[in-house]
């Protein structure tokens, strides 16, 4: 089955290769403006599944938290937890830049 695009939604298969790599379908790369060289973050939760997001999105969230908007973004979380999250994103950024 070839992937199907309807409005802003997509459904289609992605095979895992022998090295554990997946190919993001072109329609999805276009939808989210994903280009070669972009860094993505993989979020995994054993109960909820897997999500993939552009790293720049999380970097912007970390910047907003550091600028005092943590309660605005995540009112259900303690500010200290949001700051810990933002620090981990910034540490990841440094690790990525040093590769």
PDB file of N, CA and C in Angstrom:
ATOM      1  N   UNK A   1       0.842  -1.184   0.000  1.00  0.00           N
ATOM      2  CA  UNK A   1       0.000   0.000   0.000  1.00  0.00           C
ATOM      3  C   UNK A   1       0.880   1.237   0.000  1.00  0.00           C
ATOM      4  N   UNK A   2       0.664   2.090  -0.945  1.00  0.00           N
ATOM      5  CA  UNK A   2       1.368   3.367  -0.967  1.00  0.00           C
ATOM      6  C   UNK A   2       0.681   4.288   0.039  1.00  0.00           C
ATOM      7  N   UNK A   3       1.460   5.166   0.659  1.00  0.00           N
ATOM      8  CA  UNK A   3       0.906   6.076   1.645  1.00  0.00           C
ATOM      9  C   UNK A   3      -0.194   6.946   1.069  1.00  0.00           C
ATOM     10  N   UNK A   4      -1.096   7.340   1.930  1.00  0.00           N
ATOM     11  CA  UNK A   4      -2.213   8.187   1.517  1.00  0.00           C
ATOM     12  C   UNK A   4      -2.141   9.510   2.258  1.00  0.00           C
ATOM     13  N   UNK A   5      -2.290  10.564   1.499  1.00  0.00           N
ATOM     14  CA  UNK A   5      -2.271  11.912   2.046  1.00  0.00           C
ATOM     15  C   UNK A   5      -3.650  12.507   1.857  1.00  0.00           C
ATOM     16  N   UNK A   6      -4.231  12.986   2.941  1.00  0.00           N
ATOM     17  CA  UNK A   6      -5.542  13.622   2.859  1.00  0.00           C
ATOM     18  C   UNK A   6      -5.483  14.880   3.712  1.00  0.00           C
ATOM     19  N   UNK A   7      -5.522  16.016   3.074  1.00  0.00           N
ATOM     20  CA  UNK A   7      -5.403  17.264   3.822  1.00  0.00           C
ATOM     21  C   UNK A   7      -4.070  17.324   4.527  1.00  0.00           C
ATOM     22  N   UNK A   8      -4.108  17.387   5.841  1.00  0.00           N
ATOM     23  CA  UNK A   8      -2.880  17.462   6.629  1.00  0.00           C
ATOM     24  C   UNK A   8      -2.605  16.167   7.374  1.00  0.00           C
ATOM     25  N   UNK A   9      -3.127  15.057   6.859  1.00  0.00           N
ATOM     26  CA  UNK A   9      -2.918  13.760   7.500  1.00  0.00           C
ATOM     27  C   UNK A   9      -2.308  12.792   6.504  1.00  0.00           C
ATOM     28  N   UNK A  10      -1.543  11.842   7.009  1.00  0.00           N
ATOM     29  CA  UNK A  10      -0.878  10.864   6.163  1.00  0.00           C
ATOM     30  C   UNK A  10      -0.932   9.512   6.857  1.00  0.00           C
ATOM     31  N   UNK A  11      -1.124   8.471   6.092  1.00  0.00           N
ATOM     32  CA  UNK A  11      -0.993   7.118   6.616  1.00  0.00           C
ATOM     33  C   UNK A  11      -0.255   6.284   5.575  1.00  0.00           C
ATOM     34  N   UNK A  12       0.707   5.543   6.021  1.00  0.00           N
ATOM     35  CA  UNK A  12       1.476   4.708   5.113  1.00  0.00           C
ATOM     36  C   UNK A  12       2.522   3.925   5.867  1.00  0.00           C
ATOM     37  N   UNK A  13       3.071   2.906   5.231  1.00  0.00           N
ATOM     38  CA  UNK A  13       4.059   2.061   5.900  1.00  0.00           C
ATOM     39  C   UNK A  13       5.465   2.650   5.869  1.00  0.00           C
ATOM     40  N   UNK A  14       6.284   2.221   6.803  1.00  0.00           N
ATOM     41  CA  UNK A  14       7.708   2.538   6.815  1.00  0.00           C
ATOM     42  C   UNK A  14       8.410   1.271   7.284  1.00  0.00           C
ATOM     43  N   UNK A  15       9.286   0.735   6.459  1.00  0.00           N
ATOM     44  CA  UNK A  15      10.004  -0.492   6.820  1.00  0.00           C
ATOM     45  C   UNK A  15      11.279  -0.164   7.580  1.00  0.00           C
ATOM     46  N   UNK A  16      11.612  -1.043   8.503  1.00  0.00           N
ATOM     47  CA  UNK A  16      12.853  -0.913   9.255  1.00  0.00           C
ATOM     48  C   UNK A  16      13.912  -1.744   8.537  1.00  0.00           C
ATOM     49  N   UNK A  17      15.032  -1.100   8.199  1.00  0.00           N
ATOM     50  CA  UNK A  17      16.122  -1.783   7.506  1.00  0.00           C
ATOM     51  C   UNK A  17      16.983  -2.589   8.457  1.00  0.00           C
ATOM     52  N   UNK A  18      17.967  -3.290   7.929  1.00  0.00           N
ATOM     53  CA  UNK A  18      18.821  -4.157   8.747  1.00  0.00           C
ATOM     54  C   UNK A  18      19.618  -3.411   9.816  1.00  0.00           C
ATOM     55  N   UNK A  19      19.836  -2.126   9.634  1.00  0.00           N
ATOM     56  CA  UNK A  19      20.563  -1.334  10.636  1.00  0.00           C
ATOM     57  C   UNK A  19      19.616  -0.588  11.568  1.00  0.00           C
ATOM     58  N   UNK A  20      18.308  -0.896  11.502  1.00  0.00           N
ATOM     59  CA  UNK A  20      17.332  -0.236  12.360  1.00  0.00           C
ATOM     60  C   UNK A  20      16.884   1.117  11.837  1.00  0.00           C
ATOM     61  N   UNK A  21      17.237   1.440  10.613  1.00  0.00           N
ATOM     62  CA  UNK A  21      16.882   2.728  10.038  1.00  0.00           C
ATOM     63  C   UNK A  21      15.515   2.655   9.369  1.00  0.00           C
ATOM     64  N   UNK A  22      14.794   3.767   9.434  1.00  0.00           N
ATOM     65  CA  UNK A  22      13.541   3.865   8.700  1.00  0.00           C
ATOM     66  C   UNK A  22      13.636   5.030   7.727  1.00  0.00           C
ATOM     67  N   UNK A  23      12.870   4.942   6.665  1.00  0.00           N
ATOM     68  CA  UNK A  23      12.792   6.035   5.709  1.00  0.00           C
ATOM     69  C   UNK A  23      11.489   6.769   5.968  1.00  0.00           C
ATOM     70  N   UNK A  24      11.586   8.064   6.191  1.00  0.00           N
ATOM     71  CA  UNK A  24      10.385   8.872   6.366  1.00  0.00           C
ATOM     72  C   UNK A  24       9.828   9.147   4.973  1.00  0.00           C
ATOM     73  N   UNK A  25       8.578   8.772   4.726  1.00  0.00           N
ATOM     74  CA  UNK A  25       8.009   8.970   3.388  1.00  0.00           C
ATOM     75  C   UNK A  25       8.125  10.422   2.917  1.00  0.00           C
ATOM     76  N   UNK A  26       8.337  10.595   1.623  1.00  0.00           N
ATOM     77  CA  UNK A  26       8.512  11.924   1.037  1.00  0.00           C
ATOM     78  C   UNK A  26       7.355  12.850   1.383  1.00  0.00           C
ATOM     79  N   UNK A  27       6.142  12.322   1.342  1.00  0.00           N
ATOM     80  CA  UNK A  27       4.972  13.159   1.650  1.00  0.00           C
ATOM     81  C   UNK A  27       5.057  13.735   3.061  1.00  0.00           C
ATOM     82  N   UNK A  28       5.549  12.937   3.990  1.00  0.00           N
ATOM     83  CA  UNK A  28       5.688  13.390   5.378  1.00  0.00           C
ATOM     84  C   UNK A  28       6.847  14.369   5.503  1.00  0.00           C
ATOM     85  N   UNK A  29       7.978  14.078   4.820  1.00  0.00           N
ATOM     86  CA  UNK A  29       9.112  15.026   4.843  1.00  0.00           C
ATOM     87  C   UNK A  29       8.674  16.378   4.304  1.00  0.00           C
ATOM     88  N   UNK A  30       7.902  16.373   3.220  1.00  0.00           N
ATOM     89  CA  UNK A  30       7.405  17.633   2.650  1.00  0.00           C
ATOM     90  C   UNK A  30       6.458  18.333   3.620  1.00  0.00           C
ATOM     91  N   UNK A  31       5.561  17.563   4.230  1.00  0.00           N
ATOM     92  CA  UNK A  31       4.570  18.124   5.151  1.00  0.00           C
ATOM     93  C   UNK A  31       5.233  18.856   6.316  1.00  0.00           C
ATOM     94  N   UNK A  32       6.344  18.276   6.821  1.00  0.00           N
ATOM     95  CA  UNK A  32       7.011  18.840   7.991  1.00  0.00           C
ATOM     96  C   UNK A  32       8.320  19.550   7.659  1.00  0.00           C
ATOM     97  N   UNK A  33       8.564  19.771   6.379  1.00  0.00           N
ATOM     98  CA  UNK A  33       9.759  20.478   5.928  1.00  0.00           C
ATOM     99  C   UNK A  33      11.027  19.847   6.526  1.00  0.00           C
ATOM    100  N   UNK A  34      11.121  18.519   6.405  1.00  0.00           N
ATOM    101  CA  UNK A  34      12.291  17.780   6.883  1.00  0.00           C
ATOM    102  C   UNK A  34      13.247  17.594   5.714  1.00  0.00           C
ATOM    103  N   UNK A  35      14.487  18.016   5.912  1.00  0.00           N
ATOM    104  CA  UNK A  35      15.498  17.967   4.859  1.00  0.00           C
ATOM    105  C   UNK A  35      16.688  17.130   5.303  1.00  0.00           C
ATOM    106  N   UNK A  36      17.487  16.631   4.339  1.00  0.00           N
ATOM    107  CA  UNK A  36      18.703  15.910   4.718  1.00  0.00           C
ATOM    108  C   UNK A  36      19.561  16.768   5.652  1.00  0.00           C
ATOM    109  N   UNK A  37      20.070  16.156   6.695  1.00  0.00           N
ATOM    110  CA  UNK A  37      20.899  16.879   7.663  1.00  0.00           C
ATOM    111  C   UNK A  37      20.130  17.407   8.863  1.00  0.00           C
ATOM    112  N   UNK A  38      18.790  17.455   8.783  1.00  0.00           N
ATOM    113  CA  UNK A  38      17.998  17.894   9.938  1.00  0.00           C
ATOM    114  C   UNK A  38      18.169  16.888  11.071  1.00  0.00           C
ATOM    115  N   UNK A  39      18.119  17.376  12.297  1.00  0.00           N
ATOM    116  CA  UNK A  39      18.176  16.507  13.462  1.00  0.00           C
ATOM    117  C   UNK A  39      16.767  16.332  13.997  1.00  0.00           C
ATOM    118  N   UNK A  40      16.405  15.082  14.245  1.00  0.00           N
ATOM    119  CA  UNK A  40      15.090  14.753  14.784  1.00  0.00           C
ATOM    120  C   UNK A  40      15.263  14.147  16.165  1.00  0.00           C
ATOM    121  N   UNK A  41      14.249  14.284  16.993  1.00  0.00           N
ATOM    122  CA  UNK A  41      14.241  13.662  18.310  1.00  0.00           C
ATOM    123  C   UNK A  41      13.219  12.540  18.273  1.00  0.00           C
ATOM    124  N   UNK A  42      13.613  11.395  18.809  1.00  0.00           N
ATOM    125  CA  UNK A  42      12.705  10.266  18.928  1.00  0.00           C
ATOM    126  C   UNK A  42      12.250  10.201  20.376  1.00  0.00           C
ATOM    127  N   UNK A  43      10.947  10.245  20.576  1.00  0.00           N
ATOM    128  CA  UNK A  43      10.356  10.125  21.902  1.00  0.00           C
ATOM    129  C   UNK A  43       9.726   8.742  21.975  1.00  0.00           C
ATOM    130  N   UNK A  44      10.011   7.988  23.022  1.00  0.00           N
ATOM    131  CA  UNK A  44       9.460   6.646  23.138  1.00  0.00           C
ATOM    132  C   UNK A  44       8.883   6.432  24.532  1.00  0.00           C
ATOM    133  N   UNK A  45       7.704   5.874  24.565  1.00  0.00           N
ATOM    134  CA  UNK A  45       7.023   5.534  25.804  1.00  0.00           C
ATOM    135  C   UNK A  45       6.459   4.134  25.601  1.00  0.00           C
ATOM    136  N   UNK A  46       6.824   3.197  26.460  1.00  0.00           N
ATOM    137  CA  UNK A  46       6.422   1.804  26.285  1.00  0.00           C
ATOM    138  C   UNK A  46       4.909   1.644  26.188  1.00  0.00           C
ATOM    139  N   UNK A  47       4.156   2.514  26.826  1.00  0.00           N
ATOM    140  CA  UNK A  47       2.698   2.411  26.794  1.00  0.00           C
ATOM    141  C   UNK A  47       2.060   3.235  25.678  1.00  0.00           C
ATOM    142  N   UNK A  48       2.656   4.372  25.357  1.00  0.00           N
ATOM    143  CA  UNK A  48       2.012   5.285  24.408  1.00  0.00           C
ATOM    144  C   UNK A  48       2.557   5.207  22.993  1.00  0.00           C
ATOM    145  N   UNK A  49       3.762   4.674  22.819  1.00  0.00           N
ATOM    146  CA  UNK A  49       4.316   4.514  21.485  1.00  0.00           C
ATOM    147  C   UNK A  49       5.498   5.420  21.201  1.00  0.00           C
ATOM    148  N   UNK A  50       5.736   5.639  19.904  1.00  0.00           N
ATOM    149  CA  UNK A  50       6.891   6.391  19.429  1.00  0.00           C
ATOM    150  C   UNK A  50       6.415   7.649  18.705  1.00  0.00           C
ATOM    151  N   UNK A  51       7.144   8.745  18.911  1.00  0.00           N
ATOM    152  CA  UNK A  51       6.877   9.988  18.183  1.00  0.00           C
ATOM    153  C   UNK A  51       8.215  10.538  17.710  1.00  0.00           C
ATOM    154  N   UNK A  52       8.192  11.221  16.587  1.00  0.00           N
ATOM    155  CA  UNK A  52       9.391  11.837  16.027  1.00  0.00           C
ATOM    156  C   UNK A  52       9.085  13.306  15.784  1.00  0.00           C
ATOM    157  N   UNK A  53       9.996  14.168  16.200  1.00  0.00           N
ATOM    158  CA  UNK A  53       9.790  15.611  16.049  1.00  0.00           C
ATOM    159  C   UNK A  53      11.105  16.260  15.659  1.00  0.00           C
ATOM    160  N   UNK A  54      11.037  17.371  14.948  1.00  0.00           N
ATOM    161  CA  UNK A  54      12.258  18.107  14.613  1.00  0.00           C
ATOM    162  C   UNK A  54      12.882  18.660  15.893  1.00  0.00           C
ATOM    163  N   UNK A  55      14.205  18.557  15.968  1.00  0.00           N
ATOM    164  CA  UNK A  55      14.903  19.031  17.161  1.00  0.00           C
ATOM    165  C   UNK A  55      14.657  20.517  17.389  1.00  0.00           C
ATOM    166  N   UNK A  56      14.597  21.284  16.318  1.00  0.00           N
ATOM    167  CA  UNK A  56      14.416  22.732  16.455  1.00  0.00           C
ATOM    168  C   UNK A  56      13.147  23.083  17.231  1.00  0.00           C
ATOM    169  N   UNK A  57      12.110  22.261  17.111  1.00  0.00           N
ATOM    170  CA  UNK A  57      10.874  22.496  17.865  1.00  0.00           C
ATOM    171  C   UNK A  57      11.157  22.434  19.362  1.00  0.00           C
ATOM    172  N   UNK A  58      11.894  21.409  19.786  1.00  0.00           N
ATOM    173  CA  UNK A  58      12.207  21.273  21.203  1.00  0.00           C
ATOM    174  C   UNK A  58      13.169  22.351  21.674  1.00  0.00           C
ATOM    175  N   UNK A  59      14.071  22.764  20.817  1.00  0.00           N
ATOM    176  CA  UNK A  59      14.985  23.845  21.173  1.00  0.00           C
ATOM    177  C   UNK A  59      14.207  25.140  21.423  1.00  0.00           C
ATOM    178  N   UNK A  60      13.194  25.402  20.616  1.00  0.00           N
ATOM    179  CA  UNK A  60      12.347  26.590  20.812  1.00  0.00           C
ATOM    180  C   UNK A  60      11.552  26.489  22.120  1.00  0.00           C
ATOM    181  N   UNK A  61      11.083  25.285  22.429  1.00  0.00           N
ATOM    182  CA  UNK A  61      10.364  25.093  23.697  1.00  0.00           C
ATOM    183  C   UNK A  61      11.305  25.359  24.872  1.00  0.00           C
ATOM    184  N   UNK A  62      12.541  24.848  24.793  1.00  0.00           N
ATOM    185  CA  UNK A  62      13.518  25.078  25.866  1.00  0.00           C
ATOM    186  C   UNK A  62      13.790  26.567  26.027  1.00  0.00           C
ATOM    187  N   UNK A  63      13.942  27.284  24.926  1.00  0.00           N
ATOM    188  CA  UNK A  63      14.157  28.736  25.002  1.00  0.00           C
ATOM    189  C   UNK A  63      12.989  29.425  25.694  1.00  0.00           C
ATOM    190  N   UNK A  64      11.767  29.015  25.364  1.00  0.00           N
ATOM    191  CA  UNK A  64      10.575  29.615  25.980  1.00  0.00           C
ATOM    192  C   UNK A  64      10.538  29.326  27.479  1.00  0.00           C
ATOM    193  N   UNK A  65      10.903  28.125  27.875  1.00  0.00           N
ATOM    194  CA  UNK A  65      10.933  27.784  29.304  1.00  0.00           C
ATOM    195  C   UNK A  65      11.952  28.651  30.026  1.00  0.00           C
ATOM    196  N   UNK A  66      13.144  28.796  29.432  1.00  0.00           N
ATOM    197  CA  UNK A  66      14.176  29.623  30.067  1.00  0.00           C
ATOM    198  C   UNK A  66      13.792  31.101  30.104  1.00  0.00           C
ATOM    199  N   UNK A  67      12.890  31.513  29.228  1.00  0.00           N
ATOM    200  CA  UNK A  67      12.471  32.921  29.251  1.00  0.00           C
ATOM    201  C   UNK A  67      11.282  33.144  30.188  1.00  0.00           C
ATOM    202  N   UNK A  68      10.951  32.115  30.988  1.00  0.00           N
ATOM    203  CA  UNK A  68       9.920  32.279  32.010  1.00  0.00           C
ATOM    204  C   UNK A  68       8.518  31.864  31.595  1.00  0.00           C
ATOM    205  N   UNK A  69       8.380  31.133  30.524  1.00  0.00           N
ATOM    206  CA  UNK A  69       7.047  30.762  30.050  1.00  0.00           C
ATOM    207  C   UNK A  69       6.676  29.308  30.359  1.00  0.00           C
ATOM    208  N   UNK A  70       7.345  28.690  31.327  1.00  0.00           N
ATOM    209  CA  UNK A  70       7.086  27.275  31.584  1.00  0.00           C
ATOM    210  C   UNK A  70       5.648  27.027  32.039  1.00  0.00           C
ATOM    211  N   UNK A  71       5.104  27.868  32.878  1.00  0.00           N
ATOM    212  CA  UNK A  71       3.730  27.689  33.355  1.00  0.00           C
ATOM    213  C   UNK A  71       2.719  27.919  32.239  1.00  0.00           C
ATOM    214  N   UNK A  72       3.058  28.800  31.318  1.00  0.00           N
ATOM    215  CA  UNK A  72       2.212  29.049  30.155  1.00  0.00           C
ATOM    216  C   UNK A  72       2.163  27.815  29.248  1.00  0.00           C
ATOM    217  N   UNK A  73       3.324  27.213  29.034  1.00  0.00           N
ATOM    218  CA  UNK A  73       3.428  26.053  28.146  1.00  0.00           C
ATOM    219  C   UNK A  73       2.917  24.774  28.800  1.00  0.00           C
ATOM    220  N   UNK A  74       3.306  24.555  30.045  1.00  0.00           N
ATOM    221  CA  UNK A  74       2.993  23.313  30.742  1.00  0.00           C
ATOM    222  C   UNK A  74       2.445  23.602  32.138  1.00  0.00           C
ATOM    223  N   UNK A  75       1.213  24.105  32.226  1.00  0.00           N
ATOM    224  CA  UNK A  75       0.664  24.478  33.539  1.00  0.00           C
ATOM    225  C   UNK A  75       0.533  23.297  34.503  1.00  0.00           C
ATOM    226  N   UNK A  76       0.453  22.074  33.958  1.00  0.00           N
ATOM    227  CA  UNK A  76       0.282  20.901  34.813  1.00  0.00           C
ATOM    228  C   UNK A  76       1.595  20.382  35.390  1.00  0.00           C
ATOM    229  N   UNK A  77       2.738  20.933  34.945  1.00  0.00           N
ATOM    230  CA  UNK A  77       4.042  20.477  35.430  1.00  0.00           C
ATOM    231  C   UNK A  77       4.670  21.505  36.368  1.00  0.00           C
ATOM    232  N   UNK A  78       5.443  21.003  37.301  1.00  0.00           N
ATOM    233  CA  UNK A  78       6.187  21.900  38.187  1.00  0.00           C
ATOM    234  C   UNK A  78       7.240  22.633  37.366  1.00  0.00           C
ATOM    235  N   UNK A  79       7.481  23.896  37.705  1.00  0.00           N
ATOM    236  CA  UNK A  79       8.453  24.690  36.960  1.00  0.00           C
ATOM    237  C   UNK A  79       9.834  24.043  36.982  1.00  0.00           C
ATOM    238  N   UNK A  80      10.199  23.455  38.109  1.00  0.00           N
ATOM    239  CA  UNK A  80      11.507  22.796  38.218  1.00  0.00           C
ATOM    240  C   UNK A  80      11.621  21.651  37.208  1.00  0.00           C
ATOM    241  N   UNK A  81      10.532  20.913  36.999  1.00  0.00           N
ATOM    242  CA  UNK A  81      10.547  19.823  36.018  1.00  0.00           C
ATOM    243  C   UNK A  81      10.719  20.365  34.607  1.00  0.00           C
ATOM    244  N   UNK A  82      10.055  21.472  34.310  1.00  0.00           N
ATOM    245  CA  UNK A  82      10.182  22.085  32.985  1.00  0.00           C
ATOM    246  C   UNK A  82      11.607  22.571  32.747  1.00  0.00           C
ATOM    247  N   UNK A  83      12.212  23.150  33.769  1.00  0.00           N
ATOM    248  CA  UNK A  83      13.591  23.636  33.645  1.00  0.00           C
ATOM    249  C   UNK A  83      14.558  22.458  33.461  1.00  0.00           C
ATOM    250  N   UNK A  84      14.334  21.366  34.171  1.00  0.00           N
ATOM    251  CA  UNK A  84      15.158  20.167  33.991  1.00  0.00           C
ATOM    252  C   UNK A  84      15.046  19.670  32.557  1.00  0.00           C
ATOM    253  N   UNK A  85      13.819  19.645  32.034  1.00  0.00           N
ATOM    254  CA  UNK A  85      13.582  19.245  30.643  1.00  0.00           C
ATOM    255  C   UNK A  85      14.334  20.171  29.691  1.00  0.00           C
ATOM    256  N   UNK A  86      14.226  21.476  29.893  1.00  0.00           N
ATOM    257  CA  UNK A  86      14.884  22.455  29.021  1.00  0.00           C
ATOM    258  C   UNK A  86      16.402  22.293  29.073  1.00  0.00           C
ATOM    259  N   UNK A  87      16.941  22.031  30.246  1.00  0.00           N
ATOM    260  CA  UNK A  87      18.393  21.822  30.373  1.00  0.00           C
ATOM    261  C   UNK A  87      18.832  20.584  29.600  1.00  0.00           C
ATOM    262  N   UNK A  88      18.013  19.531  29.631  1.00  0.00           N
ATOM    263  CA  UNK A  88      18.384  18.314  28.901  1.00  0.00           C
ATOM    264  C   UNK A  88      18.359  18.555  27.397  1.00  0.00           C
ATOM    265  N   UNK A  89      17.435  19.383  26.924  1.00  0.00           N
ATOM    266  CA  UNK A  89      17.381  19.730  25.495  1.00  0.00           C
ATOM    267  C   UNK A  89      18.639  20.507  25.113  1.00  0.00           C
ATOM    268  N   UNK A  90      19.026  21.470  25.937  1.00  0.00           N
ATOM    269  CA  UNK A  90      20.225  22.263  25.643  1.00  0.00           C
ATOM    270  C   UNK A  90      21.488  21.393  25.694  1.00  0.00           C
ATOM    271  N   UNK A  91      21.527  20.426  26.605  1.00  0.00           N
ATOM    272  CA  UNK A  91      22.676  19.517  26.670  1.00  0.00           C
ATOM    273  C   UNK A  91      22.731  18.666  25.403  1.00  0.00           C
ATOM    274  N   UNK A  92      21.572  18.238  24.930  1.00  0.00           N
ATOM    275  CA  UNK A  92      21.513  17.483  23.676  1.00  0.00           C
ATOM    276  C   UNK A  92      22.021  18.324  22.518  1.00  0.00           C
ATOM    277  N   UNK A  93      21.653  19.603  22.502  1.00  0.00           N
ATOM    278  CA  UNK A  93      22.083  20.525  21.452  1.00  0.00           C
ATOM    279  C   UNK A  93      23.607  20.590  21.430  1.00  0.00           C
ATOM    280  N   UNK A  94      24.214  20.729  22.600  1.00  0.00           N
ATOM    281  CA  UNK A  94      25.674  20.802  22.666  1.00  0.00           C
ATOM    282  C   UNK A  94      26.306  19.503  22.163  1.00  0.00           C
ATOM    283  N   UNK A  95      25.724  18.377  22.542  1.00  0.00           N
ATOM    284  CA  UNK A  95      26.232  17.075  22.100  1.00  0.00           C
ATOM    285  C   UNK A  95      26.152  16.954  20.583  1.00  0.00           C
ATOM    286  N   UNK A  96      25.043  17.389  20.013  1.00  0.00           N
ATOM    287  CA  UNK A  96      24.846  17.342  18.559  1.00  0.00           C
ATOM    288  C   UNK A  96      25.880  18.231  17.855  1.00  0.00           C
ATOM    289  N   UNK A  97      26.084  19.422  18.377  1.00  0.00           N
ATOM    290  CA  UNK A  97      27.008  20.365  17.752  1.00  0.00           C
ATOM    291  C   UNK A  97      28.463  19.892  17.843  1.00  0.00           C
ATOM    292  N   UNK A  98      28.777  19.076  18.855  1.00  0.00           N
ATOM    293  CA  UNK A  98      30.141  18.592  19.036  1.00  0.00           C
ATOM    294  C   UNK A  98      30.434  17.288  18.300  1.00  0.00           C
ATOM    295  N   UNK A  99      29.448  16.762  17.600  1.00  0.00           N
ATOM    296  CA  UNK A  99      29.669  15.503  16.858  1.00  0.00           C
ATOM    297  C   UNK A  99      30.489  15.756  15.623  1.00  0.00           C
TER     298      UNK A  99
END
